[in-house]
Amino acid sequence: MIEKTGGADQGFYFKVGSDFFGMYHSSEGPKLFFNRDKYNLSDNCWDVELVIGPENTLFTFYWQGEVKISFRCAKQHESILALFQLLQEKPHRQLV
């Protein structure tokens, strides 16, 4: 289960089961995090995919070709869809 538990102009996060997942601004640029693991989105070594099935959605984040974050959520979870769309805007690599 995913629950949006925080939000601000500088970033946002979700609770995914007992884990925390989100994005925030830093002096080094936008970062994606999962618990204590942080990934600088200004680097060009990441990718993301979203697979929407009949009942669930699978979100996967790759860092240097390796899966670093992967979880399932309800098919219509709007926050995950919005995050995926934001991450697809790679050319500017900034949080909106």
PDB file of N, CA and C in Angstrom:
ATOM      1  N   MET A   1       0.841  -1.187   0.000  1.00  0.00           N
ATOM      2  CA  MET A   1       0.000   0.000   0.000  1.00  0.00           C
ATOM      3  C   MET A   1       0.877   1.237   0.000  1.00  0.00           C
ATOM      4  N   ILE A   2       0.512   2.223  -0.784  1.00  0.00           N
ATOM      5  CA  ILE A   2       1.254   3.474  -0.852  1.00  0.00           C
ATOM      6  C   ILE A   2       0.365   4.566  -0.298  1.00  0.00           C
ATOM      7  N   GLU A   3       0.975   5.402   0.487  1.00  0.00           N
ATOM      8  CA  GLU A   3       0.242   6.490   1.123  1.00  0.00           C
ATOM      9  C   GLU A   3       1.074   7.752   1.004  1.00  0.00           C
ATOM     10  N   LYS A   4       0.487   8.827   0.467  1.00  0.00           N
ATOM     11  CA  LYS A   4       1.212  10.096   0.389  1.00  0.00           C
ATOM     12  C   LYS A   4       1.223  10.694   1.784  1.00  0.00           C
ATOM     13  N   THR A   5       2.432  10.869   2.322  1.00  0.00           N
ATOM     14  CA  THR A   5       2.528  11.326   3.704  1.00  0.00           C
ATOM     15  C   THR A   5       3.219  12.668   3.846  1.00  0.00           C
ATOM     16  N   GLY A   6       3.673  13.238   2.797  1.00  0.00           N
ATOM     17  CA  GLY A   6       4.333  14.534   2.944  1.00  0.00           C
ATOM     18  C   GLY A   6       4.345  15.280   1.639  1.00  0.00           C
ATOM     19  N   GLY A   7       4.529  16.575   1.739  1.00  0.00           N
ATOM     20  CA  GLY A   7       4.613  17.381   0.541  1.00  0.00           C
ATOM     21  C   GLY A   7       5.033  18.791   0.896  1.00  0.00           C
ATOM     22  N   ALA A   8       5.728  19.420  -0.023  1.00  0.00           N
ATOM     23  CA  ALA A   8       6.189  20.790   0.168  1.00  0.00           C
ATOM     24  C   ALA A   8       6.629  21.319  -1.179  1.00  0.00           C
ATOM     25  N   ASP A   9       6.937  22.613  -1.238  1.00  0.00           N
ATOM     26  CA  ASP A   9       7.420  23.204  -2.474  1.00  0.00           C
ATOM     27  C   ASP A   9       8.776  22.615  -2.875  1.00  0.00           C
ATOM     28  N   GLN A  10       9.541  22.132  -1.917  1.00  0.00           N
ATOM     29  CA  GLN A  10      10.882  21.627  -2.186  1.00  0.00           C
ATOM     30  C   GLN A  10      10.937  20.131  -2.448  1.00  0.00           C
ATOM     31  N   GLY A  11       9.826  19.410  -2.340  1.00  0.00           N
ATOM     32  CA  GLY A  11       9.830  17.983  -2.594  1.00  0.00           C
ATOM     33  C   GLY A  11       8.597  17.320  -2.023  1.00  0.00           C
ATOM     34  N   PHE A  12       8.583  15.991  -2.095  1.00  0.00           N
ATOM     35  CA  PHE A  12       7.454  15.231  -1.569  1.00  0.00           C
ATOM     36  C   PHE A  12       7.912  13.807  -1.318  1.00  0.00           C
ATOM     37  N   TYR A  13       7.135  13.077  -0.548  1.00  0.00           N
ATOM     38  CA  TYR A  13       7.450  11.675  -0.304  1.00  0.00           C
ATOM     39  C   TYR A  13       6.180  10.878  -0.072  1.00  0.00           C
ATOM     40  N   PHE A  14       6.333   9.551  -0.204  1.00  0.00           N
ATOM     41  CA  PHE A  14       5.257   8.600  -0.010  1.00  0.00           C
ATOM     42  C   PHE A  14       5.725   7.554   0.981  1.00  0.00           C
ATOM     43  N   LYS A  15       4.791   6.944   1.632  1.00  0.00           N
ATOM     44  CA  LYS A  15       5.094   5.773   2.437  1.00  0.00           C
ATOM     45  C   LYS A  15       4.661   4.566   1.622  1.00  0.00           C
ATOM     46  N   VAL A  16       5.595   3.660   1.370  1.00  0.00           N
ATOM     47  CA  VAL A  16       5.351   2.451   0.596  1.00  0.00           C
ATOM     48  C   VAL A  16       5.526   1.293   1.572  1.00  0.00           C
ATOM     49  N   GLY A  17       4.430   0.795   2.126  1.00  0.00           N
ATOM     50  CA  GLY A  17       4.533  -0.196   3.197  1.00  0.00           C
ATOM     51  C   GLY A  17       5.210   0.460   4.386  1.00  0.00           C
ATOM     52  N   SER A  18       6.375  -0.039   4.778  1.00  0.00           N
ATOM     53  CA  SER A  18       7.127   0.580   5.875  1.00  0.00           C
ATOM     54  C   SER A  18       8.300   1.409   5.359  1.00  0.00           C
ATOM     55  N   ASP A  19       8.400   1.606   4.040  1.00  0.00           N
ATOM     56  CA  ASP A  19       9.500   2.357   3.420  1.00  0.00           C
ATOM     57  C   ASP A  19       9.057   3.768   3.041  1.00  0.00           C
ATOM     58  N   PHE A  20      10.040   4.659   2.878  1.00  0.00           N
ATOM     59  CA  PHE A  20       9.775   6.025   2.430  1.00  0.00           C
ATOM     60  C   PHE A  20      10.435   6.240   1.077  1.00  0.00           C
ATOM     61  N   PHE A  21       9.688   6.878   0.168  1.00  0.00           N
ATOM     62  CA  PHE A  21      10.108   7.060  -1.217  1.00  0.00           C
ATOM     63  C   PHE A  21       9.701   8.454  -1.657  1.00  0.00           C
ATOM     64  N   GLY A  22      10.592   9.197  -2.324  1.00  0.00           N
ATOM     65  CA  GLY A  22      10.214  10.518  -2.787  1.00  0.00           C
ATOM     66  C   GLY A  22      11.316  11.241  -3.528  1.00  0.00           C
ATOM     67  N   MET A  23      11.069  12.534  -3.763  1.00  0.00           N
ATOM     68  CA  MET A  23      12.018  13.416  -4.445  1.00  0.00           C
ATOM     69  C   MET A  23      12.125  14.704  -3.665  1.00  0.00           C
ATOM     70  N   TYR A  24      13.296  15.367  -3.778  1.00  0.00           N
ATOM     71  CA  TYR A  24      13.481  16.661  -3.140  1.00  0.00           C
ATOM     72  C   TYR A  24      14.571  17.446  -3.856  1.00  0.00           C
ATOM     73  N   HIS A  25      14.569  18.755  -3.661  1.00  0.00           N
ATOM     74  CA  HIS A  25      15.613  19.630  -4.194  1.00  0.00           C
ATOM     75  C   HIS A  25      16.804  19.608  -3.256  1.00  0.00           C
ATOM     76  N   SER A  26      17.997  19.695  -3.814  1.00  0.00           N
ATOM     77  CA  SER A  26      19.216  19.838  -3.018  1.00  0.00           C
ATOM     78  C   SER A  26      20.136  20.804  -3.758  1.00  0.00           C
ATOM     79  N   SER A  27      21.228  21.180  -3.118  1.00  0.00           N
ATOM     80  CA  SER A  27      22.188  22.079  -3.769  1.00  0.00           C
ATOM     81  C   SER A  27      22.840  21.411  -4.980  1.00  0.00           C
ATOM     82  N   GLU A  28      22.796  20.068  -5.062  1.00  0.00           N
ATOM     83  CA  GLU A  28      23.360  19.323  -6.183  1.00  0.00           C
ATOM     84  C   GLU A  28      22.322  19.033  -7.266  1.00  0.00           C
ATOM     85  N   GLY A  29      21.104  19.491  -7.069  1.00  0.00           N
ATOM     86  CA  GLY A  29      20.023  19.222  -8.016  1.00  0.00           C
ATOM     87  C   GLY A  29      18.989  18.302  -7.400  1.00  0.00           C
ATOM     88  N   PRO A  30      17.970  17.908  -8.179  1.00  0.00           N
ATOM     89  CA  PRO A  30      16.916  17.051  -7.637  1.00  0.00           C
ATOM     90  C   PRO A  30      17.444  15.664  -7.302  1.00  0.00           C
ATOM     91  N   LYS A  31      16.899  15.083  -6.247  1.00  0.00           N
ATOM     92  CA  LYS A  31      17.292  13.733  -5.826  1.00  0.00           C
ATOM     93  C   LYS A  31      16.058  12.885  -5.591  1.00  0.00           C
ATOM     94  N   LEU A  32      16.191  11.618  -5.942  1.00  0.00           N
ATOM     95  CA  LEU A  32      15.181  10.620  -5.649  1.00  0.00           C
ATOM     96  C   LEU A  32      15.711   9.814  -4.474  1.00  0.00           C
ATOM     97  N   PHE A  33      14.847   9.443  -3.539  1.00  0.00           N
ATOM     98  CA  PHE A  33      15.316   8.637  -2.419  1.00  0.00           C
ATOM     99  C   PHE A  33      14.356   7.500  -2.113  1.00  0.00           C
ATOM    100  N   PHE A  34      14.919   6.462  -1.539  1.00  0.00           N
ATOM    101  CA  PHE A  34      14.162   5.315  -1.038  1.00  0.00           C
ATOM    102  C   PHE A  34      14.821   4.962   0.284  1.00  0.00           C
ATOM    103  N   ASN A  35      14.131   5.274   1.380  1.00  0.00           N
ATOM    104  CA  ASN A  35      14.701   5.165   2.716  1.00  0.00           C
ATOM    105  C   ASN A  35      15.983   6.005   2.765  1.00  0.00           C
ATOM    106  N   ARG A  36      17.122   5.411   3.053  1.00  0.00           N
ATOM    107  CA  ARG A  36      18.376   6.184   3.165  1.00  0.00           C
ATOM    108  C   ARG A  36      19.169   6.248   1.874  1.00  0.00           C
ATOM    109  N   ASP A  37      18.730   5.524   0.846  1.00  0.00           N
ATOM    110  CA  ASP A  37      19.421   5.541  -0.443  1.00  0.00           C
ATOM    111  C   ASP A  37      18.984   6.772  -1.227  1.00  0.00           C
ATOM    112  N   LYS A  38      19.974   7.516  -1.753  1.00  0.00           N
ATOM    113  CA  LYS A  38      19.691   8.746  -2.504  1.00  0.00           C
ATOM    114  C   LYS A  38      20.341   8.671  -3.875  1.00  0.00           C
ATOM    115  N   TYR A  39      19.628   9.202  -4.874  1.00  0.00           N
ATOM    116  CA  TYR A  39      20.094   9.167  -6.254  1.00  0.00           C
ATOM    117  C   TYR A  39      19.989  10.560  -6.851  1.00  0.00           C
ATOM    118  N   ASN A  40      21.120  11.087  -7.309  1.00  0.00           N
ATOM    119  CA  ASN A  40      21.174  12.416  -7.897  1.00  0.00           C
ATOM    120  C   ASN A  40      20.624  12.351  -9.327  1.00  0.00           C
ATOM    121  N   LEU A  41      19.482  12.961  -9.552  1.00  0.00           N
ATOM    122  CA  LEU A  41      18.821  12.891 -10.857  1.00  0.00           C
ATOM    123  C   LEU A  41      19.480  13.778 -11.899  1.00  0.00           C
ATOM    124  N   SER A  42      20.472  14.574 -11.496  1.00  0.00           N
ATOM    125  CA  SER A  42      21.226  15.372 -12.461  1.00  0.00           C
ATOM    126  C   SER A  42      22.186  14.496 -13.251  1.00  0.00           C
ATOM    127  N   ASP A  43      22.524  13.328 -12.709  1.00  0.00           N
ATOM    128  CA  ASP A  43      23.379  12.374 -13.416  1.00  0.00           C
ATOM    129  C   ASP A  43      22.563  11.713 -14.523  1.00  0.00           C
ATOM    130  N   ASN A  44      23.227  11.303 -15.581  1.00  0.00           N
ATOM    131  CA  ASN A  44      22.536  10.657 -16.700  1.00  0.00           C
ATOM    132  C   ASN A  44      22.612   9.142 -16.646  1.00  0.00           C
ATOM    133  N   CYS A  45      22.722   8.560 -15.470  1.00  0.00           N
ATOM    134  CA  CYS A  45      22.912   7.111 -15.377  1.00  0.00           C
ATOM    135  C   CYS A  45      21.685   6.405 -14.803  1.00  0.00           C
ATOM    136  N   TRP A  46      20.506   6.963 -14.981  1.00  0.00           N
ATOM    137  CA  TRP A  46      19.296   6.351 -14.428  1.00  0.00           C
ATOM    138  C   TRP A  46      18.198   6.270 -15.477  1.00  0.00           C
ATOM    139  N   ASP A  47      17.245   5.428 -15.181  1.00  0.00           N
ATOM    140  CA  ASP A  47      16.060   5.297 -16.018  1.00  0.00           C
ATOM    141  C   ASP A  47      14.918   4.828 -15.124  1.00  0.00           C
ATOM    142  N   VAL A  48      13.714   4.930 -15.609  1.00  0.00           N
ATOM    143  CA  VAL A  48      12.534   4.554 -14.828  1.00  0.00           C
ATOM    144  C   VAL A  48      11.507   3.942 -15.764  1.00  0.00           C
ATOM    145  N   GLU A  49      10.738   2.970 -15.244  1.00  0.00           N
ATOM    146  CA  GLU A  49       9.655   2.420 -16.050  1.00  0.00           C
ATOM    147  C   GLU A  49       8.440   2.178 -15.172  1.00  0.00           C
ATOM    148  N   LEU A  50       7.304   2.219 -15.806  1.00  0.00           N
ATOM    149  CA  LEU A  50       6.031   1.996 -15.134  1.00  0.00           C
ATOM    150  C   LEU A  50       5.252   1.007 -15.979  1.00  0.00           C
ATOM    151  N   VAL A  51       4.874  -0.113 -15.376  1.00  0.00           N
ATOM    152  CA  VAL A  51       4.084  -1.133 -16.070  1.00  0.00           C
ATOM    153  C   VAL A  51       2.712  -1.159 -15.412  1.00  0.00           C
ATOM    154  N   ILE A  52       1.691  -0.854 -16.201  1.00  0.00           N
ATOM    155  CA  ILE A  52       0.325  -0.811 -15.676  1.00  0.00           C
ATOM    156  C   ILE A  52      -0.395  -2.082 -16.091  1.00  0.00           C
ATOM    157  N   GLY A  53      -0.735  -2.886 -15.113  1.00  0.00           N
ATOM    158  CA  GLY A  53      -1.446  -4.137 -15.347  1.00  0.00           C
ATOM    159  C   GLY A  53      -2.921  -3.972 -15.042  1.00  0.00           C
ATOM    160  N   PRO A  54      -3.691  -5.053 -15.145  1.00  0.00           N
ATOM    161  CA  PRO A  54      -5.130  -4.963 -14.920  1.00  0.00           C
ATOM    162  C   PRO A  54      -5.505  -4.589 -13.483  1.00  0.00           C
ATOM    163  N   GLU A  55      -4.668  -4.947 -12.508  1.00  0.00           N
ATOM    164  CA  GLU A  55      -4.989  -4.638 -11.112  1.00  0.00           C
ATOM    165  C   GLU A  55      -3.924  -3.824 -10.393  1.00  0.00           C
ATOM    166  N   ASN A  56      -2.669  -3.910 -10.840  1.00  0.00           N
ATOM    167  CA  ASN A  56      -1.565  -3.237 -10.163  1.00  0.00           C
ATOM    168  C   ASN A  56      -0.685  -2.488 -11.136  1.00  0.00           C
ATOM    169  N   THR A  57       0.110  -1.589 -10.589  1.00  0.00           N
ATOM    170  CA  THR A  57       1.125  -0.870 -11.336  1.00  0.00           C
ATOM    171  C   THR A  57       2.471  -1.218 -10.729  1.00  0.00           C
ATOM    172  N   LEU A  58       3.459  -1.474 -11.581  1.00  0.00           N
ATOM    173  CA  LEU A  58       4.813  -1.783 -11.126  1.00  0.00           C
ATOM    174  C   LEU A  58       5.715  -0.609 -11.476  1.00  0.00           C
ATOM    175  N   PHE A  59       6.321   0.015 -10.458  1.00  0.00           N
ATOM    176  CA  PHE A  59       7.258   1.125 -10.637  1.00  0.00           C
ATOM    177  C   PHE A  59       8.664   0.573 -10.443  1.00  0.00           C
ATOM    178  N   THR A  60       9.569   0.863 -11.389  1.00  0.00           N
ATOM    179  CA  THR A  60      10.954   0.397 -11.285  1.00  0.00           C
ATOM    180  C   THR A  60      11.895   1.549 -11.628  1.00  0.00           C
ATOM    181  N   PHE A  61      12.915   1.748 -10.770  1.00  0.00           N
ATOM    182  CA  PHE A  61      13.946   2.763 -10.964  1.00  0.00           C
ATOM    183  C   PHE A  61      15.287   2.057 -11.129  1.00  0.00           C
ATOM    184  N   TYR A  62      16.004   2.409 -12.204  1.00  0.00           N
ATOM    185  CA  TYR A  62      17.303   1.811 -12.508  1.00  0.00           C
ATOM    186  C   TYR A  62      18.403   2.849 -12.291  1.00  0.00           C
ATOM    187  N   TRP A  63      19.487   2.432 -11.691  1.00  0.00           N
ATOM    188  CA  TRP A  63      20.673   3.278 -11.517  1.00  0.00           C
ATOM    189  C   TRP A  63      21.854   2.517 -12.111  1.00  0.00           C
ATOM    190  N   GLN A  64      22.479   3.083 -13.130  1.00  0.00           N
ATOM    191  CA  GLN A  64      23.578   2.453 -13.855  1.00  0.00           C
ATOM    192  C   GLN A  64      23.179   1.054 -14.334  1.00  0.00           C
ATOM    193  N   GLY A  65      21.950   0.929 -14.813  1.00  0.00           N
ATOM    194  CA  GLY A  65      21.450  -0.309 -15.382  1.00  0.00           C
ATOM    195  C   GLY A  65      20.971  -1.346 -14.370  1.00  0.00           C
ATOM    196  N   GLU A  66      21.125  -1.061 -13.099  1.00  0.00           N
ATOM    197  CA  GLU A  66      20.740  -2.003 -12.042  1.00  0.00           C
ATOM    198  C   GLU A  66      19.457  -1.529 -11.361  1.00  0.00           C
ATOM    199  N   VAL A  67      18.544  -2.466 -11.078  1.00  0.00           N
ATOM    200  CA  VAL A  67      17.306  -2.129 -10.380  1.00  0.00           C
ATOM    201  C   VAL A  67      17.649  -1.712  -8.954  1.00  0.00           C
ATOM    202  N   LYS A  68      17.241  -0.500  -8.573  1.00  0.00           N
ATOM    203  CA  LYS A  68      17.485  -0.004  -7.216  1.00  0.00           C
ATOM    204  C   LYS A  68      16.192   0.146  -6.423  1.00  0.00           C
ATOM    205  N   ILE A  69      15.093   0.461  -7.121  1.00  0.00           N
ATOM    206  CA  ILE A  69      13.795   0.629  -6.465  1.00  0.00           C
ATOM    207  C   ILE A  69      12.751  -0.067  -7.321  1.00  0.00           C
ATOM    208  N   SER A  70      11.941  -0.906  -6.706  1.00  0.00           N
ATOM    209  CA  SER A  70      10.868  -1.568  -7.435  1.00  0.00           C
ATOM    210  C   SER A  70       9.755  -1.896  -6.449  1.00  0.00           C
ATOM    211  N   PHE A  71       8.531  -1.489  -6.792  1.00  0.00           N
ATOM    212  CA  PHE A  71       7.391  -1.816  -5.943  1.00  0.00           C
ATOM    213  C   PHE A  71       6.109  -1.798  -6.759  1.00  0.00           C
ATOM    214  N   ARG A  72       5.105  -2.480  -6.234  1.00  0.00           N
ATOM    215  CA  ARG A  72       3.771  -2.521  -6.844  1.00  0.00           C
ATOM    216  C   ARG A  72       2.837  -1.623  -6.047  1.00  0.00           C
ATOM    217  N   CYS A  73       1.871  -1.062  -6.754  1.00  0.00           N
ATOM    218  CA  CYS A  73       0.839  -0.261  -6.094  1.00  0.00           C
ATOM    219  C   CYS A  73      -0.472  -0.440  -6.849  1.00  0.00           C
ATOM    220  N   ALA A  74      -1.546   0.108  -6.285  1.00  0.00           N
ATOM    221  CA  ALA A  74      -2.853   0.041  -6.931  1.00  0.00           C
ATOM    222  C   ALA A  74      -2.771   0.681  -8.315  1.00  0.00           C
ATOM    223  N   LYS A  75      -3.468   0.107  -9.266  1.00  0.00           N
ATOM    224  CA  LYS A  75      -3.404   0.551 -10.665  1.00  0.00           C
ATOM    225  C   LYS A  75      -3.638   2.051 -10.826  1.00  0.00           C
ATOM    226  N   GLN A  76      -4.573   2.609 -10.134  1.00  0.00           N
ATOM    227  CA  GLN A  76      -4.948   4.009 -10.336  1.00  0.00           C
ATOM    228  C   GLN A  76      -4.310   4.957  -9.313  1.00  0.00           C
ATOM    229  N   HIS A  77      -3.138   4.660  -8.826  1.00  0.00           N
ATOM    230  CA  HIS A  77      -2.496   5.536  -7.839  1.00  0.00           C
ATOM    231  C   HIS A  77      -1.959   6.772  -8.550  1.00  0.00           C
ATOM    232  N   GLU A  78      -2.693   7.873  -8.471  1.00  0.00           N
ATOM    233  CA  GLU A  78      -2.393   9.091  -9.222  1.00  0.00           C
ATOM    234  C   GLU A  78      -1.028   9.688  -8.888  1.00  0.00           C
ATOM    235  N   SER A  79      -0.590   9.595  -7.637  1.00  0.00           N
ATOM    236  CA  SER A  79       0.691  10.188  -7.249  1.00  0.00           C
ATOM    237  C   SER A  79       1.856   9.502  -7.942  1.00  0.00           C
ATOM    238  N   ILE A  80       1.808   8.191  -8.064  1.00  0.00           N
ATOM    239  CA  ILE A  80       2.880   7.465  -8.746  1.00  0.00           C
ATOM    240  C   ILE A  80       2.871   7.789 -10.233  1.00  0.00           C
ATOM    241  N   LEU A  81       1.698   7.911 -10.821  1.00  0.00           N
ATOM    242  CA  LEU A  81       1.613   8.298 -12.231  1.00  0.00           C
ATOM    243  C   LEU A  81       2.190   9.692 -12.450  1.00  0.00           C
ATOM    244  N   ALA A  82       1.892  10.623 -11.544  1.00  0.00           N
ATOM    245  CA  ALA A  82       2.425  11.986 -11.652  1.00  0.00           C
ATOM    246  C   ALA A  82       3.950  11.987 -11.495  1.00  0.00           C
ATOM    247  N   LEU A  83       4.473  11.206 -10.554  1.00  0.00           N
ATOM    248  CA  LEU A  83       5.918  11.116 -10.370  1.00  0.00           C
ATOM    249  C   LEU A  83       6.587  10.540 -11.618  1.00  0.00           C
ATOM    250  N   PHE A  84       6.006   9.496 -12.176  1.00  0.00           N
ATOM    251  CA  PHE A  84       6.561   8.896 -13.384  1.00  0.00           C
ATOM    252  C   PHE A  84       6.613   9.922 -14.518  1.00  0.00           C
ATOM    253  N   GLN A  85       5.545  10.675 -14.703  1.00  0.00           N
ATOM    254  CA  GLN A  85       5.526  11.696 -15.749  1.00  0.00           C
ATOM    255  C   GLN A  85       6.597  12.751 -15.495  1.00  0.00           C
ATOM    256  N   LEU A  86       6.776  13.141 -14.249  1.00  0.00           N
ATOM    257  CA  LEU A  86       7.803  14.115 -13.900  1.00  0.00           C
ATOM    258  C   LEU A  86       9.193  13.564 -14.236  1.00  0.00           C
ATOM    259  N   LEU A  87       9.442  12.317 -13.908  1.00  0.00           N
ATOM    260  CA  LEU A  87      10.735  11.700 -14.196  1.00  0.00           C
ATOM    261  C   LEU A  87      10.970  11.540 -15.699  1.00  0.00           C
ATOM    262  N   GLN A  88       9.922  11.432 -16.482  1.00  0.00           N
ATOM    263  CA  GLN A  88      10.069  11.310 -17.926  1.00  0.00           C
ATOM    264  C   GLN A  88      10.546  12.608 -18.568  1.00  0.00           C
ATOM    265  N   GLU A  89      10.446  13.701 -17.864  1.00  0.00           N
ATOM    266  CA  GLU A  89      10.900  14.998 -18.371  1.00  0.00           C
ATOM    267  C   GLU A  89      12.394  15.166 -18.115  1.00  0.00           C
ATOM    268  N   LYS A  90      13.180  14.165 -18.506  1.00  0.00           N
ATOM    269  CA  LYS A  90      14.615  14.131 -18.247  1.00  0.00           C
ATOM    270  C   LYS A  90      15.404  15.311 -18.796  1.00  0.00           C
ATOM    271  N   PRO A  91      15.046  15.887 -19.959  1.00  0.00           N
ATOM    272  CA  PRO A  91      15.916  16.938 -20.507  1.00  0.00           C
ATOM    273  C   PRO A  91      16.195  18.080 -19.545  1.00  0.00           C
ATOM    274  N   HIS A  92      15.222  18.479 -18.742  1.00  0.00           N
ATOM    275  CA  HIS A  92      15.497  19.585 -17.824  1.00  0.00           C
ATOM    276  C   HIS A  92      15.928  19.097 -16.440  1.00  0.00           C
ATOM    277  N   ARG A  93      15.700  17.835 -16.105  1.00  0.00           N
ATOM    278  CA  ARG A  93      16.172  17.220 -14.851  1.00  0.00           C
ATOM    279  C   ARG A  93      15.923  18.073 -13.627  1.00  0.00           C
ATOM    280  N   GLN A  94      14.734  18.644 -13.507  1.00  0.00           N
ATOM    281  CA  GLN A  94      14.397  19.457 -12.346  1.00  0.00           C
ATOM    282  C   GLN A  94      13.022  19.076 -11.834  1.00  0.00           C
ATOM    283  N   LEU A  95      12.805  19.292 -10.542  1.00  0.00           N
ATOM    284  CA  LEU A  95      11.460  19.150  -9.991  1.00  0.00           C
ATOM    285  C   LEU A  95      10.630  20.319 -10.437  1.00  0.00           C
ATOM    286  N   VAL A  96       9.386  20.075 -10.723  1.00  0.00           N
ATOM    287  CA  VAL A  96       8.479  21.154 -11.129  1.00  0.00           C
ATOM    288  C   VAL A  96       7.842  21.713  -9.890  1.00  0.00           C
TER     289      VAL A  96
END
